[in-house]
Protein backbone atom coordinates (compact mmCIF):
# COMPACT_ATOMS: atom_id res chain seq x y z
CA MET A 1 9.70 5.28 -136.22
CA ILE A 2 6.96 5.58 -138.42
CA LEU A 3 7.43 2.89 -140.81
CA GLU A 4 8.62 -0.80 -139.42
CA LYS A 5 12.62 -1.36 -140.16
CA ASN A 6 13.78 -4.22 -137.56
CA SER A 7 12.35 -6.99 -140.07
CA ILE A 8 15.14 -5.95 -142.40
CA LYS A 9 17.60 -7.39 -140.05
CA LEU A 10 15.75 -10.50 -139.68
CA LEU A 11 15.35 -10.61 -143.47
CA GLN A 12 19.29 -10.38 -144.15
CA LYS A 13 19.86 -13.54 -141.49
CA ALA A 14 17.40 -15.60 -143.45
CA ILE A 15 18.76 -14.39 -147.08
CA ASP A 16 22.23 -16.03 -145.65
CA LYS A 17 20.31 -19.32 -144.30
CA LEU A 18 18.78 -19.39 -147.57
CA GLU A 19 22.14 -18.99 -149.55
CA SER A 20 23.93 -21.37 -147.18
CA GLY A 21 21.46 -24.26 -149.11
CA PHE A 22 22.80 -24.24 -152.08
CA ASP A 23 25.96 -26.08 -152.74
CA LEU A 24 26.91 -24.32 -155.63
CA PRO A 25 30.00 -22.45 -157.18
CA SER A 26 29.67 -18.47 -156.74
CA VAL A 27 28.43 -16.69 -159.70
CA ASP A 28 30.09 -13.05 -160.02
CA VAL A 29 27.56 -10.86 -161.49
CA GLU A 30 28.20 -7.09 -161.52
CA PHE A 31 25.65 -4.59 -160.54
CA ASP A 32 26.24 -0.95 -160.90
CA TYR A 33 25.18 -0.35 -156.92
CA GLU A 34 25.86 3.33 -157.25
CA LYS A 35 23.33 4.02 -160.17
CA MET A 36 20.93 1.59 -158.13
CA GLU A 37 21.40 3.79 -155.26
CA ARG A 38 20.35 7.03 -157.28
CA VAL A 39 17.56 5.20 -158.73
CA MET A 40 16.51 3.92 -155.18
CA MET A 41 16.46 7.32 -153.88
CA GLU A 42 14.31 8.78 -156.56
CA VAL A 43 11.79 5.79 -155.99
CA ALA A 44 11.83 6.46 -152.13
CA ASP A 45 11.13 10.26 -153.61
CA LYS A 46 8.29 9.51 -155.89
CA MET A 47 6.36 6.83 -153.15
CA GLN A 48 6.65 9.92 -150.80
CA ASN A 49 3.72 11.09 -152.80
CA ASN A 50 0.91 8.50 -151.09
CA TYR A 51 -1.47 9.06 -148.59
CA PRO A 52 -0.03 6.75 -145.43
CA TYR A 53 -1.81 3.75 -146.11
CA PHE A 54 -0.01 2.20 -143.28
CA HIS A 55 -1.06 4.47 -140.92
CA PRO A 56 -4.14 4.55 -138.32
CA LEU A 57 -5.28 7.78 -139.35
CA PHE A 58 -5.76 6.51 -142.73
CA ALA A 59 -9.28 5.55 -142.39
CA GLY A 60 -10.37 5.51 -145.74
CA GLN A 61 -9.87 2.92 -148.24
CA MET A 62 -9.52 -0.90 -148.07
CA LEU A 63 -5.85 -0.81 -147.46
CA LYS A 64 -4.14 -2.77 -144.72
CA PRO A 65 -0.92 -3.04 -144.10
CA PRO A 66 1.01 -6.41 -144.68
CA HIS A 67 2.24 -7.84 -141.29
CA PRO A 68 6.09 -7.40 -141.12
CA ILE A 69 6.50 -11.32 -141.51
CA ALA A 70 4.60 -11.46 -144.45
CA ARG A 71 6.39 -8.64 -145.99
CA ALA A 72 9.99 -10.47 -144.96
CA ALA A 73 9.14 -13.64 -146.25
CA TYR A 74 7.75 -12.84 -149.51
CA MET A 75 10.74 -10.70 -150.01
CA LEU A 76 13.08 -13.57 -149.32
CA ALA A 77 11.56 -15.71 -151.80
CA MET A 78 11.97 -13.00 -154.48
CA TRP A 79 15.82 -14.21 -154.32
CA ILE A 80 14.25 -17.53 -155.72
CA ASN A 81 11.52 -15.87 -157.42
CA PRO A 82 9.49 -19.00 -157.52
CA ASN A 83 6.38 -19.52 -160.23
CA ASN A 84 3.60 -21.56 -158.74
CA HIS A 85 2.53 -22.94 -161.64
CA ALA A 86 4.17 -26.33 -161.84
CA MET A 87 6.24 -28.10 -159.23
CA ASP A 88 9.61 -27.73 -161.16
CA GLY A 89 9.26 -23.84 -160.68
CA SER A 90 8.11 -24.10 -157.00
CA LYS A 91 9.59 -27.12 -155.50
CA ALA A 92 9.13 -25.41 -152.20
CA SER A 93 6.19 -22.77 -152.47
CA SER A 94 3.75 -25.09 -154.58
CA PRO A 95 3.48 -27.12 -151.34
CA MET A 96 3.24 -24.23 -148.96
CA GLU A 97 0.40 -22.96 -151.02
CA LYS A 98 -1.63 -26.14 -150.77
CA GLU A 99 -0.92 -25.72 -146.70
CA VAL A 100 -2.37 -22.54 -146.76
CA VAL A 101 -5.16 -23.07 -149.15
CA THR A 102 -6.19 -25.86 -146.37
CA ASP A 103 -5.93 -23.67 -144.07
CA LEU A 104 -8.57 -21.41 -145.49
CA ALA A 105 -10.80 -23.96 -146.22
CA LYS A 106 -10.85 -25.26 -142.64
CA MET A 107 -11.41 -21.75 -141.67
CA PHE A 108 -14.81 -21.99 -143.76
CA GLY A 109 -15.49 -25.46 -142.49
CA TYR A 110 -14.86 -27.10 -145.99
CA LYS A 111 -13.75 -31.00 -144.93
CA GLU A 112 -12.87 -31.69 -148.48
CA HIS A 113 -12.03 -28.84 -151.16
CA LEU A 114 -10.42 -27.77 -154.46
CA GLY A 115 -8.49 -24.55 -154.75
CA HIS A 116 -5.64 -22.19 -154.99
CA LEU A 117 -4.23 -18.98 -154.70
CA THR A 118 -4.98 -16.44 -157.33
CA GLY A 119 -3.98 -12.48 -158.10
CA GLY A 120 -6.42 -11.23 -156.35
CA GLY A 121 -10.49 -11.38 -155.63
CA THR A 122 -10.92 -10.45 -159.48
CA MET A 123 -9.17 -13.61 -160.75
CA ALA A 124 -10.37 -15.52 -158.02
CA ASN A 125 -14.16 -14.57 -158.61
CA LEU A 126 -13.33 -15.34 -162.47
CA GLU A 127 -12.82 -18.83 -161.69
CA GLY A 128 -15.72 -19.24 -159.23
CA LEU A 129 -18.06 -18.05 -162.32
CA TRP A 130 -16.18 -19.47 -164.61
CA VAL A 131 -17.14 -23.01 -163.05
CA ALA A 132 -20.48 -21.97 -162.41
CA GLY A 133 -20.71 -21.04 -166.07
CA GLN A 134 -19.46 -24.94 -167.04
CA VAL A 135 -22.05 -26.49 -164.52
CA HIS A 136 -24.82 -24.47 -165.73
CA PRO A 137 -23.98 -22.95 -169.19
CA GLU A 138 -27.30 -21.77 -170.24
CA LYS A 139 -28.59 -20.06 -166.84
CA LEU A 140 -28.13 -16.73 -165.52
CA ILE A 141 -25.82 -15.10 -162.88
CA ILE A 142 -27.23 -13.14 -159.96
CA ALA A 143 -25.84 -10.98 -157.76
CA SER A 144 -27.30 -7.78 -155.60
CA ASP A 145 -27.17 -4.29 -157.19
CA GLN A 146 -24.31 -3.66 -153.99
CA SER A 147 -22.19 -6.33 -154.65
CA HIS A 148 -18.82 -5.76 -156.50
CA TYR A 149 -19.33 -4.65 -159.94
CA THR A 150 -16.29 -7.26 -161.06
CA HIS A 151 -19.20 -9.96 -161.15
CA GLU A 152 -21.00 -8.49 -164.17
CA ARG A 153 -18.03 -7.27 -165.60
CA ILE A 154 -16.65 -10.91 -165.48
CA SER A 155 -19.95 -12.15 -166.37
CA GLY A 156 -19.48 -10.27 -169.87
CA VAL A 157 -16.13 -11.54 -170.16
CA LEU A 158 -17.26 -14.99 -170.01
CA GLN A 159 -20.60 -14.42 -172.02
CA LEU A 160 -22.93 -15.31 -169.32
CA ASN A 161 -26.19 -14.44 -168.52
CA PHE A 162 -25.95 -11.58 -165.77
CA GLU A 163 -28.76 -10.28 -163.70
CA LYS A 164 -28.97 -7.54 -160.60
CA VAL A 165 -31.04 -8.26 -157.42
CA LYS A 166 -32.16 -5.19 -155.83
CA THR A 167 -31.12 -4.37 -152.21
CA ASP A 168 -32.85 -3.46 -148.84
CA GLN A 169 -32.31 -0.22 -146.99
CA PHE A 170 -29.07 -2.15 -145.14
CA SER A 171 -27.45 -2.91 -148.67
CA ARG A 172 -28.64 -6.47 -148.09
CA MET A 173 -29.91 -8.48 -150.87
CA ASP A 174 -33.90 -8.22 -151.31
CA LEU A 175 -35.23 -11.84 -150.98
CA ASN A 176 -38.51 -10.83 -152.48
CA ASP A 177 -36.95 -10.08 -155.57
CA LEU A 178 -34.41 -12.70 -155.70
CA GLU A 179 -37.35 -15.18 -155.57
CA GLU A 180 -38.94 -13.54 -158.01
CA LYS A 181 -36.23 -14.26 -160.57
CA LEU A 182 -35.76 -17.85 -159.31
CA LYS A 183 -39.32 -18.53 -159.99
CA ASN A 184 -38.41 -18.39 -163.40
CA GLY A 185 -36.00 -21.46 -163.42
CA ASN A 186 -33.20 -19.96 -165.47
CA VAL A 187 -31.17 -18.98 -162.15
CA GLY A 188 -27.79 -21.14 -162.11
CA THR A 189 -25.86 -19.19 -159.79
CA VAL A 190 -26.41 -16.86 -157.06
CA VAL A 191 -23.48 -14.46 -155.63
CA CYS A 192 -23.87 -14.14 -151.92
CA THR A 193 -21.64 -10.87 -150.75
CA MET A 194 -20.18 -11.88 -147.47
CA GLY A 195 -19.38 -8.02 -146.69
CA THR A 196 -19.89 -5.49 -149.48
CA THR A 197 -17.08 -3.31 -150.24
CA GLY A 198 -19.17 -0.46 -149.67
CA THR A 199 -20.79 -0.75 -146.57
CA GLY A 200 -19.53 -3.89 -145.00
CA ALA A 201 -22.96 -5.47 -145.17
CA VAL A 202 -23.54 -9.15 -145.58
CA ASP A 203 -26.38 -10.91 -147.52
CA PRO A 204 -28.57 -13.26 -146.11
CA LEU A 205 -27.17 -16.64 -146.70
CA ASP A 206 -29.25 -18.48 -144.47
CA LYS A 207 -32.32 -17.88 -146.26
CA LEU A 208 -30.42 -18.34 -149.79
CA LEU A 209 -29.57 -21.71 -148.43
CA GLU A 210 -33.35 -22.19 -147.65
CA LEU A 211 -34.21 -20.96 -151.43
CA GLN A 212 -31.28 -23.14 -152.76
CA LYS A 213 -33.39 -26.56 -151.20
CA GLN A 214 -36.44 -25.15 -153.09
CA TYR A 215 -34.89 -23.81 -156.43
CA ASP A 216 -31.78 -25.72 -156.84
CA PHE A 217 -29.13 -23.05 -158.01
CA ARG A 218 -25.46 -23.07 -156.73
CA ILE A 219 -24.23 -20.60 -154.16
CA HIS A 220 -20.83 -18.69 -154.76
CA ALA A 221 -19.68 -16.67 -151.67
CA ASP A 222 -17.99 -13.61 -152.47
CA ALA A 223 -16.35 -13.25 -149.12
CA ALA A 224 -12.88 -11.36 -150.73
CA TYR A 225 -13.19 -8.84 -148.37
CA GLY A 226 -15.56 -10.18 -145.28
CA GLY A 227 -14.20 -13.86 -145.36
CA TYR A 228 -12.18 -13.86 -142.34
CA PHE A 229 -15.07 -12.33 -140.09
CA GLY A 230 -16.33 -15.73 -139.22
CA LEU A 231 -13.16 -15.72 -136.75
CA VAL A 232 -14.43 -12.25 -134.98
CA GLU A 233 -15.96 -12.78 -131.36
CA ASN A 234 -18.24 -9.95 -131.09
CA LEU A 235 -20.41 -10.18 -134.17
CA GLU A 236 -24.01 -9.86 -134.19
CA GLU A 237 -25.73 -12.84 -133.80
CA ALA A 238 -27.43 -12.88 -136.83
CA THR A 239 -24.07 -12.01 -138.95
CA ALA A 240 -22.15 -14.70 -136.88
CA LYS A 241 -24.68 -17.21 -137.88
CA LYS A 242 -24.39 -16.45 -141.82
CA PHE A 243 -20.36 -16.72 -141.78
CA ALA A 244 -21.16 -20.04 -139.73
CA LEU A 245 -22.95 -21.23 -142.74
CA LEU A 246 -20.16 -20.95 -145.64
CA ASN A 247 -19.49 -24.36 -144.87
CA GLN A 248 -22.26 -25.20 -147.08
CA VAL A 249 -21.82 -22.72 -150.22
CA ASP A 250 -20.55 -24.29 -153.61
CA SER A 251 -17.50 -21.90 -153.66
CA ILE A 252 -15.94 -19.24 -151.80
CA VAL A 253 -13.55 -16.36 -152.81
CA VAL A 254 -11.46 -14.51 -150.05
CA ASP A 255 -8.56 -12.08 -150.36
CA PRO A 256 -5.82 -12.61 -148.01
CA HIS A 257 -4.34 -9.02 -148.96
CA LYS A 258 -7.40 -7.40 -147.67
CA GLN A 259 -8.04 -8.82 -143.98
CA GLY A 260 -5.00 -11.38 -144.23
CA LEU A 261 -2.16 -9.03 -143.81
CA GLN A 262 -0.50 -9.91 -147.08
CA PRO A 263 0.98 -7.93 -149.98
CA TYR A 264 -0.95 -7.46 -152.83
CA GLY A 265 -2.01 -9.55 -154.79
CA CYS A 266 -3.00 -12.66 -153.02
CA GLY A 267 -6.83 -14.00 -153.63
CA CYS A 268 -7.91 -17.25 -152.78
CA ILE A 269 -10.57 -19.34 -154.84
CA LEU A 270 -12.42 -22.57 -152.72
CA PHE A 271 -14.82 -25.15 -154.15
CA LYS A 272 -16.49 -27.51 -151.76
CA ASP A 273 -16.75 -30.21 -154.24
CA PRO A 274 -13.01 -31.36 -155.51
CA SER A 275 -14.47 -32.78 -158.92
CA VAL A 276 -14.90 -29.62 -160.40
CA ALA A 277 -11.47 -30.38 -161.13
CA GLN A 278 -12.52 -32.04 -164.39
CA TYR A 279 -13.13 -28.26 -165.90
CA TYR A 280 -9.67 -27.64 -165.77
CA LEU A 281 -8.36 -30.71 -167.30
CA HIS A 282 -5.47 -29.91 -169.87
CA ASP A 283 -2.05 -31.02 -170.62
CA SER A 284 1.33 -28.64 -170.76
CA PRO A 285 3.96 -31.26 -171.76
CA TYR A 286 6.90 -29.21 -170.95
CA THR A 287 5.59 -28.19 -167.45
CA TYR A 288 3.88 -30.96 -165.50
CA TYR A 289 6.60 -33.76 -165.71
CA THR A 290 8.86 -33.28 -162.84
CA SER A 291 6.39 -35.03 -160.36
CA ASP A 292 3.59 -37.07 -159.93
CA GLU A 293 1.69 -34.67 -157.66
CA LEU A 294 -1.03 -32.63 -158.50
CA HIS A 295 0.44 -29.39 -160.16
CA LEU A 296 -1.47 -26.23 -159.21
CA GLY A 297 -1.36 -25.28 -162.85
CA GLU A 298 -3.78 -27.96 -163.34
CA ILE A 299 -6.41 -26.66 -161.51
CA SER A 300 -6.12 -22.59 -162.23
CA LEU A 301 -6.97 -20.43 -165.03
CA GLU A 302 -3.53 -18.26 -164.54
CA CYS A 303 -0.56 -19.71 -165.41
CA SER A 304 2.43 -18.16 -163.94
CA ARG A 305 1.69 -17.05 -160.48
CA ALA A 306 3.84 -15.36 -157.86
CA GLY A 307 5.36 -18.12 -155.33
CA ALA A 308 6.10 -15.40 -152.92
CA SER A 309 2.27 -14.99 -152.34
CA ALA A 310 2.51 -18.54 -150.80
CA VAL A 311 5.51 -17.83 -148.95
CA GLY A 312 4.29 -14.80 -147.39
CA LEU A 313 1.15 -16.28 -146.56
CA TRP A 314 2.49 -19.51 -144.97
CA ALA A 315 4.97 -17.56 -142.87
CA THR A 316 2.04 -15.48 -141.57
CA HIS A 317 0.05 -18.68 -141.02
CA GLN A 318 2.53 -19.79 -138.61
CA MET A 319 2.71 -16.88 -136.73
CA LEU A 320 -1.07 -15.95 -136.97
CA PRO A 321 -2.93 -18.99 -137.42
CA PRO A 322 -6.21 -18.12 -138.76
CA VAL A 323 -8.51 -19.71 -136.08
CA LYS A 324 -11.01 -18.66 -133.25
CA GLY A 325 -9.26 -17.26 -130.19
CA GLY A 326 -5.98 -16.94 -131.30
CA GLN A 327 -3.98 -13.41 -131.85
CA PHE A 328 -5.09 -12.80 -135.69
CA SER A 329 -8.61 -13.53 -134.24
CA LYS A 330 -8.30 -10.83 -131.60
CA ASP A 331 -6.94 -8.47 -133.55
CA LEU A 332 -9.79 -8.52 -136.22
CA THR A 333 -12.03 -8.23 -133.30
CA GLN A 334 -10.41 -5.14 -132.33
CA SER A 335 -10.76 -3.31 -135.87
CA ARG A 336 -14.47 -4.47 -135.44
CA ASN A 337 -14.16 -2.96 -131.82
CA ALA A 338 -13.52 0.12 -133.33
CA ALA A 339 -16.19 0.32 -135.94
CA LEU A 340 -18.78 -0.18 -133.02
CA LYS A 341 -17.29 2.50 -131.26
CA PHE A 342 -17.33 5.01 -133.79
CA HIS A 343 -20.94 4.26 -134.69
CA GLU A 344 -21.19 5.33 -131.10
CA LYS A 345 -19.98 8.29 -131.32
CA LEU A 346 -21.73 8.98 -134.57
CA GLU A 347 -25.24 8.30 -132.96
CA ALA A 348 -24.52 10.83 -130.36
CA SER A 349 -23.20 13.42 -132.57
CA ASP A 350 -25.37 16.63 -134.15
CA GLN A 351 -23.55 17.13 -137.28
CA LEU A 352 -23.21 13.44 -138.52
CA PHE A 353 -25.35 10.10 -138.15
CA PRO A 354 -24.49 6.51 -139.12
CA LEU A 355 -26.38 5.40 -141.94
CA MET A 356 -26.62 1.73 -140.37
CA LYS A 357 -24.89 -0.34 -137.69
CA PRO A 358 -21.81 -1.92 -139.10
CA GLU A 359 -22.03 -5.77 -139.35
CA THR A 360 -17.92 -5.70 -140.07
CA ASP A 361 -15.52 -2.87 -139.58
CA ILE A 362 -16.79 -0.58 -142.04
CA VAL A 363 -18.57 2.65 -141.08
CA VAL A 364 -20.74 4.90 -143.36
CA TYR A 365 -22.35 8.23 -142.17
CA ALA A 366 -23.65 10.94 -143.43
CA ALA A 367 -23.93 14.81 -142.59
CA TYR A 368 -27.10 16.29 -141.25
CA GLY A 369 -29.00 18.61 -143.19
CA ASP A 370 -33.03 19.59 -144.68
CA GLU A 371 -32.14 17.77 -148.31
CA THR A 372 -29.69 15.33 -149.93
CA GLN A 373 -28.18 18.00 -152.09
CA SER A 374 -26.72 20.14 -149.27
CA MET A 375 -26.44 17.09 -147.35
CA SER A 376 -23.68 15.86 -150.00
CA GLU A 377 -22.33 18.89 -150.55
CA LYS A 378 -21.51 19.31 -146.78
CA ALA A 379 -20.00 15.43 -146.77
CA ASN A 380 -17.48 16.72 -149.54
CA LEU A 381 -16.25 19.75 -147.42
CA ILE A 382 -15.73 17.45 -144.44
CA PHE A 383 -13.98 14.94 -146.70
CA GLU A 384 -11.38 17.67 -148.00
CA LYS A 385 -11.08 19.49 -144.46
CA ALA A 386 -10.19 16.06 -142.76
CA GLU A 387 -7.25 15.47 -145.52
CA GLU A 388 -6.45 19.00 -144.35
CA ASN A 389 -6.09 17.81 -140.71
CA SER A 390 -4.39 14.61 -141.71
CA LEU A 391 -7.24 12.61 -141.62
CA TYR A 392 -7.77 10.19 -144.54
CA LEU A 393 -11.43 9.29 -145.28
CA SER A 394 -13.22 7.77 -148.30
CA LEU A 395 -16.82 8.80 -149.68
CA TYR A 396 -19.78 6.82 -150.85
CA LYS A 397 -22.66 7.27 -152.89
CA TYR A 398 -25.88 5.72 -151.41
CA PRO A 399 -28.62 5.22 -153.63
CA THR A 400 -31.41 7.64 -152.31
CA LYS A 401 -33.99 5.09 -153.13
CA LEU A 402 -32.93 3.04 -150.09
CA PHE A 403 -34.03 5.36 -147.39
CA LYS A 404 -37.40 4.49 -145.29
CA ASN A 405 -39.27 7.26 -143.15
CA VAL A 406 -36.56 9.72 -143.39
CA ASP A 407 -37.10 13.37 -141.97
CA PHE A 408 -35.04 15.37 -144.88
CA GLU A 409 -36.00 15.99 -148.35
CA ILE A 410 -34.60 13.51 -151.17
CA ASN A 411 -34.01 15.37 -154.14
CA THR A 412 -30.85 13.66 -155.57
CA ASP A 413 -30.46 10.28 -156.87
CA TYR A 414 -27.51 9.27 -154.40
CA LEU A 415 -26.29 10.60 -151.17
CA THR A 416 -22.81 11.49 -150.87
CA CYS A 417 -21.59 9.87 -147.32
CA LEU A 418 -18.57 9.48 -145.65
CA ARG A 419 -16.82 6.28 -145.10
CA SER A 420 -14.28 5.07 -142.64
CA CYS A 421 -12.63 1.45 -143.03
CA LEU A 422 -11.12 0.53 -139.63
CA LEU A 423 -9.25 -2.41 -140.85
CA LYS A 424 -6.29 -1.88 -138.62
CA PRO A 425 -6.43 -3.37 -134.89
CA GLU A 426 -4.49 0.33 -134.05
CA HIS A 427 -7.88 2.14 -134.94
CA GLU A 428 -9.51 1.17 -131.50
CA ASP A 429 -6.66 3.05 -129.66
CA TRP A 430 -6.46 6.03 -131.84
CA LEU A 431 -10.45 6.12 -132.09
CA ASP A 432 -10.16 9.28 -129.83
CA GLU A 433 -7.76 11.08 -131.80
CA ILE A 434 -9.65 10.25 -135.41
CA TRP A 435 -12.93 11.78 -133.51
CA LYS A 436 -10.88 14.73 -132.39
CA ARG A 437 -10.18 15.41 -136.07
CA LEU A 438 -12.91 14.86 -137.68
CA GLU A 439 -14.70 17.32 -135.43
CA LYS A 440 -12.31 20.03 -136.50
CA SER A 441 -13.37 19.17 -140.03
CA PHE A 442 -16.91 19.76 -139.61
């Protein structure tokens, strides 16, 4: 069996239990199930035109399969289809959302918080930067040139001034360039990327917090990809220190649909200071009348949101709490182990070399050569050959201006590298097979 199917039996039992909780007359609704079957078989046929994102041999993009409990709980919620905007549309799932958001806030060490789930990291970052703009309406948003492109785009949407900061050879924010910008006195918020989506690099949060005392700016942590790595047991000491300091930043974004085993889309925005709720104040006379409790729509820019996301995440937290030392933490540590072991294989190779030691579970590596153009061409060929060998990688364009003291000629602006996202715990056990198929692709 390649695709997990046993949870379907559990789902059937759960649907029966859900139905038994409503003491209502039956509703006779006719569906053309024969036609539905034909359409579903056509859907299944079309969906075969996919890469095997769920399999350990897919080591390319950040696509981590949902846990069966998340998938089943999400589907169960679809029989109700709750809307987590107001309590009357999500009587059960809104409290579940508040509970899981509190779990995530505790994971980061927040004693108080304001937050909610979102449709993904883009919307979560939009809310973080929107509040930043409310607090400092005329000041700059700053992010590194290796941060996600969404920050510049969002700043444009919100009509906020935005500038990029240079990065060092390890893809981390350059503190000297940052401080030059801070000296101008017009920086309102610095985006600290806790795991870039390109290389997995973690910005120097410890140093940013020191600068914050001197220059008085907000810190928004984009931990959409890397947020859960604070639970990992085998981080480098310097990296672990940075994650341990997340309780001091002003706002955090994390995506449970990346490392948190959830279906798309499930993001989360958290604010350290609950008083930022003042910026969300609005009234909706036809939605906020059923309860005196806080309606999630009152602290969210999004209106309708899938309650099923909260249900899936809640079920996952019951089975795999996001705490240090638990099974979730151990599984994430396994992914990190896979990255470290893969890095060791690359260091011993005479065909490929790693650009840097991975900080998380993303490994970026290049083909040996005399100059960057031919090295890029070789990487492209390996990428194509690997797919022929049913090994799925990704490519990454690394700015050659970041290289220091290299023994090859730089004759292009970017070096095309290979990139492996070893997000699945199974990747550690499959590493020898992955390496064997990669060697066949040289």
